[in-house]
Amino acid sequence: MEFLGFTLDIAALIDSALTLLFKVLLALLIFVVGRWLAKKAIGVANRIMVRSRLDDTVASFLSRLLYGVLLVIVVLAALSKVGVQTTSVVAILGGAAIAIGLSLKDQLSNFAAGIMIVTFRPFVRGDYIQINGFTGTVTEITLINTHLTTINNHDIIVPNSEITTSATTNYTSLPNRRVDITIGIGYDADIKTAKDIMLSLAKNNPIAFSDPAPVVRVTNLGDNSVDLTLNVWTTNDDWWGMQCDLLEQFKYALDDNKIDIPFPQRSVHVKGLDMLVNNMDQSQKLPMNKD
């Protein structure tokens, strides 16, 4: 058959069209079945991660990452059936991944640190921690940053990369905590009486532990006072309340027993002050000239 001067082979065109249609249908079948299998695989992976008690944030991220990888494989397999050269597609995707990685290296650093935090769990939501001078309760852990809420209700956002590269103090990871209270008394005060007062109040506190027993020691001979330090144990939940109560009780009890808590004092010596005073006295004794 001729059309516009060209010879057309109808049989060959029909055969090519049928072949292309078959390839497209096969590619669609591969995509649909592959996507279904990918979702099933993700469901199995989610159940495994739940049984292993993996953190919810990590489990969600790994599920999405695995599903994305499987979906890319399915798409490449479908395209290869249509006749698309998947080698060039893979090269383009690899180049794009490198470019994105270089432009987002700081975020990727935070992301990698977030994976380590939610995997190794140095702290969890609800813990009271200190990071880089910031202290607060952990309210949210994401794969990029961690949120702390301070006692005065400030929200502090700390990048995860700073957490993994610096020391972190977790105050609530252990059930019990020691209260340390230092009181300075005057050098004229009776040390034994002051120690007995502090020790008695600590032992009689209903939320203080008897084992280990409270103890009071002389910890410093300062410029203005003799420092006595009380060490007493309690639970993490009662730590702050007991410390405040004992401080107030110590103040009243020491006042009742006439034991002073001295203020800081300094002696200042000025060289040449005596000579200056004498010169001023002499100038006041000189007679005044009258015109």
Foldseek 3Di string as FASTA:
>chain_A
DDDPRDDDDVVVVVVVVVLLVVLLVVLVVLLVVLLVVLVVVLVVQLVVCVVVVQDPQLNVVVSVVSSVVSNVVSNLVSVVSNPDDCVVVVVVVVVVVVVVCVVCVLQVLLLVLLNVCSGVPPDDAQWFKAAPNDTAGFHDRHSFWTWGAHPVGDIDTGGSNSRVVDDMGTLQPDFKDKAKDKAWWAPPDDPVVLQVQLQVVQVPPPFWDPVVHKGKDQDDDDPGTTIIMIIIMGTPVCRVVVNVVSVVSSVVVCVVVVIDRDDDDDDDDDPCPVVVVVVVVVVVPDDDDDD
